[in-house]
Amino acid sequence: MKELKESSEITFLRYLLKESLIRYREARNLERNRKIIYPETTSILRDCERLIRTLRQLSGKGKNLVPEKKELQESIHRKKTSMF
């Protein structure tokens, strides 16, 4: 049952990605034709990125390709200095 659930979830996410990519292409065409940038296009692109990341994680590929924000912040060591 779990395999069926994961399989149907992956299928649905792929469908959402396909539709989001179609929306992104149309948004880019509108931007080119009207020579104006819409913030919605960026939102669509971020949705595509999230869907791709989720699909990679579910398929077992791409784990740790993009570190989470917490991991990234912990790995950055900054030298503490004062202005005075």
PDB file of N, CA and C in Angstrom:
ATOM      1  N   MET A   1       0.823  -1.195   0.000  1.00  0.00           N
ATOM      2  CA  MET A   1       0.000   0.000   0.000  1.00  0.00           C
ATOM      3  C   MET A   1       0.870   1.262   0.000  1.00  0.00           C
ATOM      4  N   LYS A   2       1.965   1.221   0.771  1.00  0.00           N
ATOM      5  CA  LYS A   2       2.856   2.379   0.838  1.00  0.00           C
ATOM      6  C   LYS A   2       3.486   2.663  -0.522  1.00  0.00           C
ATOM      7  N   GLU A   3       3.865   1.585  -1.238  1.00  0.00           N
ATOM      8  CA  GLU A   3       4.455   1.762  -2.570  1.00  0.00           C
ATOM      9  C   GLU A   3       3.454   2.405  -3.522  1.00  0.00           C
ATOM     10  N   LEU A   4       2.197   1.993  -3.416  1.00  0.00           N
ATOM     11  CA  LEU A   4       1.161   2.565  -4.270  1.00  0.00           C
ATOM     12  C   LEU A   4       0.984   4.050  -3.962  1.00  0.00           C
ATOM     13  N   LYS A   5       0.990   4.382  -2.680  1.00  0.00           N
ATOM     14  CA  LYS A   5       0.839   5.779  -2.283  1.00  0.00           C
ATOM     15  C   LYS A   5       2.000   6.613  -2.808  1.00  0.00           C
ATOM     16  N   GLU A   6       3.242   6.119  -2.650  1.00  0.00           N
ATOM     17  CA  GLU A   6       4.410   6.850  -3.143  1.00  0.00           C
ATOM     18  C   GLU A   6       4.382   6.968  -4.659  1.00  0.00           C
ATOM     19  N   SER A   7       3.952   5.897  -5.326  1.00  0.00           N
ATOM     20  CA  SER A   7       3.886   5.907  -6.781  1.00  0.00           C
ATOM     21  C   SER A   7       2.870   6.934  -7.268  1.00  0.00           C
ATOM     22  N   SER A   8       1.691   6.948  -6.659  1.00  0.00           N
ATOM     23  CA  SER A   8       0.674   7.907  -7.088  1.00  0.00           C
ATOM     24  C   SER A   8       1.082   9.336  -6.728  1.00  0.00           C
ATOM     25  N   GLU A   9       1.799   9.495  -5.617  1.00  0.00           N
ATOM     26  CA  GLU A   9       2.282  10.821  -5.230  1.00  0.00           C
ATOM     27  C   GLU A   9       3.301  11.334  -6.243  1.00  0.00           C
ATOM     28  N   ILE A  10       4.215  10.468  -6.650  1.00  0.00           N
ATOM     29  CA  ILE A  10       5.216  10.859  -7.646  1.00  0.00           C
ATOM     30  C   ILE A  10       4.548  11.197  -8.971  1.00  0.00           C
ATOM     31  N   THR A  11       3.561  10.402  -9.370  1.00  0.00           N
ATOM     32  CA  THR A  11       2.844  10.660 -10.615  1.00  0.00           C
ATOM     33  C   THR A  11       2.151  12.018 -10.562  1.00  0.00           C
ATOM     34  N   PHE A  12       1.516  12.306  -9.436  1.00  0.00           N
ATOM     35  CA  PHE A  12       0.826  13.585  -9.286  1.00  0.00           C
ATOM     36  C   PHE A  12       1.814  14.751  -9.293  1.00  0.00           C
ATOM     37  N   LEU A  13       2.950  14.593  -8.623  1.00  0.00           N
ATOM     38  CA  LEU A  13       3.959  15.655  -8.611  1.00  0.00           C
ATOM     39  C   LEU A  13       4.526  15.890 -10.006  1.00  0.00           C
ATOM     40  N   ARG A  14       4.701  14.830 -10.766  1.00  0.00           N
ATOM     41  CA  ARG A  14       5.178  14.984 -12.153  1.00  0.00           C
ATOM     42  C   ARG A  14       4.162  15.746 -12.994  1.00  0.00           C
ATOM     43  N   TYR A  15       2.881  15.431 -12.776  1.00  0.00           N
ATOM     44  CA  TYR A  15       1.822  16.146 -13.490  1.00  0.00           C
ATOM     45  C   TYR A  15       1.852  17.634 -13.132  1.00  0.00           C
ATOM     46  N   LEU A  16       1.977  17.931 -11.832  1.00  0.00           N
ATOM     47  CA  LEU A  16       2.048  19.326 -11.395  1.00  0.00           C
ATOM     48  C   LEU A  16       3.260  20.036 -11.997  1.00  0.00           C
ATOM     49  N   LEU A  17       4.392  19.338 -12.056  1.00  0.00           N
ATOM     50  CA  LEU A  17       5.595  19.931 -12.642  1.00  0.00           C
ATOM     51  C   LEU A  17       5.377  20.228 -14.123  1.00  0.00           C
ATOM     52  N   LYS A  18       4.774  19.298 -14.823  1.00  0.00           N
ATOM     53  CA  LYS A  18       4.510  19.496 -16.250  1.00  0.00           C
ATOM     54  C   LYS A  18       3.624  20.723 -16.463  1.00  0.00           C
ATOM     55  N   GLU A  19       2.554  20.833 -15.683  1.00  0.00           N
ATOM     56  CA  GLU A  19       1.652  21.976 -15.803  1.00  0.00           C
ATOM     57  C   GLU A  19       2.344  23.280 -15.411  1.00  0.00           C
ATOM     58  N   SER A  20       3.167  23.228 -14.389  1.00  0.00           N
ATOM     59  CA  SER A  20       3.887  24.432 -13.950  1.00  0.00           C
ATOM     60  C   SER A  20       4.877  24.897 -15.009  1.00  0.00           C
ATOM     61  N   LEU A  21       5.540  23.951 -15.661  1.00  0.00           N
ATOM     62  CA  LEU A  21       6.473  24.322 -16.727  1.00  0.00           C
ATOM     63  C   LEU A  21       5.744  24.949 -17.910  1.00  0.00           C
ATOM     64  N   ILE A  22       4.553  24.451 -18.216  1.00  0.00           N
ATOM     65  CA  ILE A  22       3.742  25.048 -19.284  1.00  0.00           C
ATOM     66  C   ILE A  22       3.367  26.479 -18.904  1.00  0.00           C
ATOM     67  N   ARG A  23       2.937  26.663 -17.656  1.00  0.00           N
ATOM     68  CA  ARG A  23       2.594  28.006 -17.170  1.00  0.00           C
ATOM     69  C   ARG A  23       3.807  28.930 -17.222  1.00  0.00           C
ATOM     70  N   TYR A  24       4.979  28.406 -16.869  1.00  0.00           N
ATOM     71  CA  TYR A  24       6.199  29.214 -16.883  1.00  0.00           C
ATOM     72  C   TYR A  24       6.544  29.656 -18.308  1.00  0.00           C
ATOM     73  N   ARG A  25       6.438  28.734 -19.255  1.00  0.00           N
ATOM     74  CA  ARG A  25       6.730  29.090 -20.656  1.00  0.00           C
ATOM     75  C   ARG A  25       5.787  30.189 -21.151  1.00  0.00           C
ATOM     76  N   GLU A  26       4.498  30.049 -20.824  1.00  0.00           N
ATOM     77  CA  GLU A  26       3.527  31.060 -21.240  1.00  0.00           C
ATOM     78  C   GLU A  26       3.820  32.412 -20.588  1.00  0.00           C
ATOM     79  N   ALA A  27       4.172  32.382 -19.313  1.00  0.00           N
ATOM     80  CA  ALA A  27       4.494  33.628 -18.608  1.00  0.00           C
ATOM     81  C   ALA A  27       5.714  34.302 -19.233  1.00  0.00           C
ATOM     82  N   ARG A  28       6.729  33.516 -19.578  1.00  0.00           N
ATOM     83  CA  ARG A  28       7.927  34.084 -20.211  1.00  0.00           C
ATOM     84  C   ARG A  28       7.590  34.671 -21.581  1.00  0.00           C
ATOM     85  N   ASN A  29       6.718  33.991 -22.331  1.00  0.00           N
ATOM     86  CA  ASN A  29       6.303  34.532 -23.627  1.00  0.00           C
ATOM     87  C   ASN A  29       5.581  35.869 -23.457  1.00  0.00           C
ATOM     88  N   LEU A  30       4.695  35.948 -22.454  1.00  0.00           N
ATOM     89  CA  LEU A  30       4.002  37.209 -22.188  1.00  0.00           C
ATOM     90  C   LEU A  30       4.991  38.310 -21.825  1.00  0.00           C
ATOM     91  N   GLU A  31       5.960  37.975 -21.001  1.00  0.00           N
ATOM     92  CA  GLU A  31       6.962  38.971 -20.614  1.00  0.00           C
ATOM     93  C   GLU A  31       7.746  39.466 -21.821  1.00  0.00           C
ATOM     94  N   ARG A  32       8.119  38.555 -22.681  1.00  0.00           N
ATOM     95  CA  ARG A  32       8.878  38.954 -23.878  1.00  0.00           C
ATOM     96  C   ARG A  32       8.033  39.837 -24.793  1.00  0.00           C
ATOM     97  N   ASN A  33       6.781  39.419 -25.011  1.00  0.00           N
ATOM     98  CA  ASN A  33       5.910  40.165 -25.920  1.00  0.00           C
ATOM     99  C   ASN A  33       5.552  41.545 -25.382  1.00  0.00           C
ATOM    100  N   ARG A  34       5.304  41.643 -24.094  1.00  0.00           N
ATOM    101  CA  ARG A  34       4.884  42.913 -23.494  1.00  0.00           C
ATOM    102  C   ARG A  34       6.052  43.733 -22.950  1.00  0.00           C
ATOM    103  N   LYS A  35       7.231  43.117 -22.951  1.00  0.00           N
ATOM    104  CA  LYS A  35       8.454  43.780 -22.468  1.00  0.00           C
ATOM    105  C   LYS A  35       8.284  44.316 -21.043  1.00  0.00           C
ATOM    106  N   ILE A  36       7.739  43.455 -20.193  1.00  0.00           N
ATOM    107  CA  ILE A  36       7.560  43.792 -18.788  1.00  0.00           C
ATOM    108  C   ILE A  36       7.753  42.520 -17.972  1.00  0.00           C
ATOM    109  N   ILE A  37       8.280  42.663 -16.772  1.00  0.00           N
ATOM    110  CA  ILE A  37       8.517  41.501 -15.918  1.00  0.00           C
ATOM    111  C   ILE A  37       7.428  41.439 -14.860  1.00  0.00           C
ATOM    112  N   TYR A  38       6.814  40.271 -14.734  1.00  0.00           N
ATOM    113  CA  TYR A  38       5.763  40.051 -13.745  1.00  0.00           C
ATOM    114  C   TYR A  38       6.310  39.226 -12.583  1.00  0.00           C
ATOM    115  N   PRO A  39       6.000  39.592 -11.347  1.00  0.00           N
ATOM    116  CA  PRO A  39       6.489  38.822 -10.192  1.00  0.00           C
ATOM    117  C   PRO A  39       5.910  37.408 -10.139  1.00  0.00           C
ATOM    118  N   GLU A  40       4.757  37.198 -10.747  1.00  0.00           N
ATOM    119  CA  GLU A  40       4.144  35.871 -10.753  1.00  0.00           C
ATOM    120  C   GLU A  40       5.029  34.849 -11.459  1.00  0.00           C
ATOM    121  N   THR A  41       5.786  35.316 -12.450  1.00  0.00           N
ATOM    122  CA  THR A  41       6.676  34.410 -13.177  1.00  0.00           C
ATOM    123  C   THR A  41       7.721  33.822 -12.240  1.00  0.00           C
ATOM    124  N   THR A  42       8.238  34.633 -11.341  1.00  0.00           N
ATOM    125  CA  THR A  42       9.211  34.151 -10.365  1.00  0.00           C
ATOM    126  C   THR A  42       8.578  33.126  -9.435  1.00  0.00           C
ATOM    127  N   SER A  43       7.339  33.362  -9.047  1.00  0.00           N
ATOM    128  CA  SER A  43       6.631  32.412  -8.180  1.00  0.00           C
ATOM    129  C   SER A  43       6.445  31.068  -8.876  1.00  0.00           C
ATOM    130  N   ILE A  44       6.106  31.115 -10.149  1.00  0.00           N
ATOM    131  CA  ILE A  44       5.933  29.875 -10.912  1.00  0.00           C
ATOM    132  C   ILE A  44       7.257  29.128 -10.993  1.00  0.00           C
ATOM    133  N   LEU A  45       8.339  29.858 -11.235  1.00  0.00           N
ATOM    134  CA  LEU A  45       9.662  29.237 -11.317  1.00  0.00           C
ATOM    135  C   LEU A  45      10.038  28.584  -9.991  1.00  0.00           C
ATOM    136  N   ARG A  46       9.769  29.254  -8.884  1.00  0.00           N
ATOM    137  CA  ARG A  46      10.071  28.676  -7.567  1.00  0.00           C
ATOM    138  C   ARG A  46       9.242  27.427  -7.305  1.00  0.00           C
ATOM    139  N   ASP A  47       7.989  27.429  -7.763  1.00  0.00           N
ATOM    140  CA  ASP A  47       7.166  26.224  -7.633  1.00  0.00           C
ATOM    141  C   ASP A  47       7.800  25.064  -8.389  1.00  0.00           C
ATOM    142  N   CYS A  48       8.289  25.344  -9.591  1.00  0.00           N
ATOM    143  CA  CYS A  48       8.951  24.305 -10.388  1.00  0.00           C
ATOM    144  C   CYS A  48      10.184  23.779  -9.663  1.00  0.00           C
ATOM    145  N   GLU A  49      10.972  24.679  -9.099  1.00  0.00           N
ATOM    146  CA  GLU A  49      12.179  24.258  -8.375  1.00  0.00           C
ATOM    147  C   GLU A  49      11.829  23.376  -7.184  1.00  0.00           C
ATOM    148  N   ARG A  50      10.782  23.742  -6.442  1.00  0.00           N
ATOM    149  CA  ARG A  50      10.363  22.936  -5.286  1.00  0.00           C
ATOM    150  C   ARG A  50       9.886  21.555  -5.723  1.00  0.00           C
ATOM    151  N   LEU A  51       9.118  21.519  -6.802  1.00  0.00           N
ATOM    152  CA  LEU A  51       8.623  20.235  -7.292  1.00  0.00           C
ATOM    153  C   LEU A  51       9.775  19.345  -7.746  1.00  0.00           C
ATOM    154  N   ILE A  52      10.740  19.911  -8.446  1.00  0.00           N
ATOM    155  CA  ILE A  52      11.901  19.139  -8.896  1.00  0.00           C
ATOM    156  C   ILE A  52      12.673  18.604  -7.702  1.00  0.00           C
ATOM    157  N   ARG A  53      12.895  19.454  -6.701  1.00  0.00           N
ATOM    158  CA  ARG A  53      13.628  19.031  -5.503  1.00  0.00           C
ATOM    159  C   ARG A  53      12.892  17.896  -4.787  1.00  0.00           C
ATOM    160  N   THR A  54      11.580  18.020  -4.661  1.00  0.00           N
ATOM    161  CA  THR A  54      10.783  16.989  -3.992  1.00  0.00           C
ATOM    162  C   THR A  54      10.814  15.684  -4.771  1.00  0.00           C
ATOM    163  N   LEU A  55      10.689  15.760  -6.082  1.00  0.00           N
ATOM    164  CA  LEU A  55      10.736  14.546  -6.902  1.00  0.00           C
ATOM    165  C   LEU A  55      12.089  13.854  -6.789  1.00  0.00           C
ATOM    166  N   ARG A  56      13.158  14.625  -6.772  1.00  0.00           N
ATOM    167  CA  ARG A  56      14.490  14.026  -6.624  1.00  0.00           C
ATOM    168  C   ARG A  56      14.645  13.344  -5.273  1.00  0.00           C
ATOM    169  N   GLN A  57      14.128  13.966  -4.232  1.00  0.00           N
ATOM    170  CA  GLN A  57      14.229  13.373  -2.904  1.00  0.00           C
ATOM    171  C   GLN A  57      13.409  12.095  -2.813  1.00  0.00           C
ATOM    172  N   LEU A  58      12.217  12.094  -3.400  1.00  0.00           N
ATOM    173  CA  LEU A  58      11.369  10.905  -3.352  1.00  0.00           C
ATOM    174  C   LEU A  58      11.950   9.754  -4.161  1.00  0.00           C
ATOM    175  N   SER A  59      12.652  10.083  -5.237  1.00  0.00           N
ATOM    176  CA  SER A  59      13.220   9.026  -6.066  1.00  0.00           C
ATOM    177  C   SER A  59      14.570   8.554  -5.543  1.00  0.00           C
ATOM    178  N   GLY A  60      15.069   9.210  -4.491  1.00  0.00           N
ATOM    179  CA  GLY A  60      16.342   8.804  -3.905  1.00  0.00           C
ATOM    180  C   GLY A  60      17.539   9.441  -4.565  1.00  0.00           C
ATOM    181  N   LYS A  61      17.300  10.307  -5.523  1.00  0.00           N
ATOM    182  CA  LYS A  61      18.393  10.999  -6.202  1.00  0.00           C
ATOM    183  C   LYS A  61      18.466  12.418  -5.667  1.00  0.00           C
ATOM    184  N   GLY A  62      19.635  12.944  -5.663  1.00  0.00           N
ATOM    185  CA  GLY A  62      19.794  14.346  -5.338  1.00  0.00           C
ATOM    186  C   GLY A  62      19.672  14.692  -3.876  1.00  0.00           C
ATOM    187  N   LYS A  63      19.803  13.718  -3.004  1.00  0.00           N
ATOM    188  CA  LYS A  63      19.767  14.052  -1.590  1.00  0.00           C
ATOM    189  C   LYS A  63      20.984  14.893  -1.261  1.00  0.00           C
ATOM    190  N   ASN A  64      20.754  15.899  -0.499  1.00  0.00           N
ATOM    191  CA  ASN A  64      21.806  16.817  -0.058  1.00  0.00           C
ATOM    192  C   ASN A  64      22.445  17.601  -1.205  1.00  0.00           C
ATOM    193  N   LEU A  65      21.774  17.664  -2.358  1.00  0.00           N
ATOM    194  CA  LEU A  65      22.315  18.497  -3.431  1.00  0.00           C
ATOM    195  C   LEU A  65      22.234  19.970  -3.048  1.00  0.00           C
ATOM    196  N   VAL A  66      21.115  20.340  -2.481  1.00  0.00           N
ATOM    197  CA  VAL A  66      20.929  21.709  -2.037  1.00  0.00           C
ATOM    198  C   VAL A  66      20.740  21.661  -0.537  1.00  0.00           C
ATOM    199  N   PRO A  67      21.718  22.149   0.232  1.00  0.00           N
ATOM    200  CA  PRO A  67      21.585  22.072   1.685  1.00  0.00           C
ATOM    201  C   PRO A  67      20.439  22.935   2.179  1.00  0.00           C
ATOM    202  N   GLU A  68      19.809  22.476   3.225  1.00  0.00           N
ATOM    203  CA  GLU A  68      18.739  23.259   3.827  1.00  0.00           C
ATOM    204  C   GLU A  68      19.340  24.510   4.451  1.00  0.00           C
ATOM    205  N   LYS A  69      18.517  25.469   4.740  1.00  0.00           N
ATOM    206  CA  LYS A  69      19.003  26.743   5.262  1.00  0.00           C
ATOM    207  C   LYS A  69      19.754  26.565   6.574  1.00  0.00           C
ATOM    208  N   LYS A  70      19.260  25.707   7.463  1.00  0.00           N
ATOM    209  CA  LYS A  70      19.929  25.501   8.742  1.00  0.00           C
ATOM    210  C   LYS A  70      21.339  24.967   8.532  1.00  0.00           C
ATOM    211  N   GLU A  71      21.455  23.940   7.687  1.00  0.00           N
ATOM    212  CA  GLU A  71      22.762  23.349   7.426  1.00  0.00           C
ATOM    213  C   GLU A  71      23.700  24.372   6.804  1.00  0.00           C
ATOM    214  N   LEU A  72      23.176  25.177   5.917  1.00  0.00           N
ATOM    215  CA  LEU A  72      23.987  26.182   5.247  1.00  0.00           C
ATOM    216  C   LEU A  72      24.476  27.227   6.242  1.00  0.00           C
ATOM    217  N   GLN A  73      23.606  27.666   7.130  1.00  0.00           N
ATOM    218  CA  GLN A  73      23.993  28.674   8.112  1.00  0.00           C
ATOM    219  C   GLN A  73      25.028  28.131   9.077  1.00  0.00           C
ATOM    220  N   GLU A  74      24.895  26.863   9.462  1.00  0.00           N
ATOM    221  CA  GLU A  74      25.855  26.278  10.387  1.00  0.00           C
ATOM    222  C   GLU A  74      27.225  26.119   9.751  1.00  0.00           C
ATOM    223  N   SER A  75      27.257  25.895   8.454  1.00  0.00           N
ATOM    224  CA  SER A  75      28.532  25.660   7.786  1.00  0.00           C
ATOM    225  C   SER A  75      29.299  26.954   7.510  1.00  0.00           C
ATOM    226  N   ILE A  76      28.631  28.092   7.587  1.00  0.00           N
ATOM    227  CA  ILE A  76      29.292  29.366   7.332  1.00  0.00           C
ATOM    228  C   ILE A  76      29.855  29.891   8.647  1.00  0.00           C
ATOM    229  N   HIS A  77      31.169  30.018   8.695  1.00  0.00           N
ATOM    230  CA  HIS A  77      31.825  30.552   9.881  1.00  0.00           C
ATOM    231  C   HIS A  77      32.314  31.951   9.553  1.00  0.00           C
ATOM    232  N   ARG A  78      31.807  32.900  10.295  1.00  0.00           N
ATOM    233  CA  ARG A  78      32.202  34.277  10.057  1.00  0.00           C
ATOM    234  C   ARG A  78      33.095  34.756  11.186  1.00  0.00           C
ATOM    235  N   LYS A  79      34.064  35.516  10.811  1.00  0.00           N
ATOM    236  CA  LYS A  79      34.971  36.090  11.792  1.00  0.00           C
ATOM    237  C   LYS A  79      34.274  37.273  12.453  1.00  0.00           C
ATOM    238  N   LYS A  80      34.238  37.253  13.768  1.00  0.00           N
ATOM    239  CA  LYS A  80      33.590  38.334  14.499  1.00  0.00           C
ATOM    240  C   LYS A  80      34.578  39.478  14.668  1.00  0.00           C
ATOM    241  N   THR A  81      34.170  40.617  14.189  1.00  0.00           N
ATOM    242  CA  THR A  81      35.000  41.810  14.329  1.00  0.00           C
ATOM    243  C   THR A  81      34.130  42.941  14.839  1.00  0.00           C
ATOM    244  N   SER A  82      34.760  43.910  15.407  1.00  0.00           N
ATOM    245  CA  SER A  82      34.002  45.077  15.862  1.00  0.00           C
ATOM    246  C   SER A  82      34.477  46.296  15.095  1.00  0.00           C
ATOM    247  N   MET A  83      33.626  47.245  15.029  1.00  0.00           N
ATOM    248  CA  MET A  83      33.954  48.467  14.312  1.00  0.00           C
ATOM    249  C   MET A  83      34.838  49.375  15.149  1.00  0.00           C
ATOM    250  N   PHE A  84      34.838  49.211  16.466  1.00  0.00           N
ATOM    251  CA  PHE A  84      35.576  50.112  17.356  1.00  0.00           C
ATOM    252  C   PHE A  84      36.804  49.468  17.901  1.00  0.00           C
TER     253      PHE A  84
END
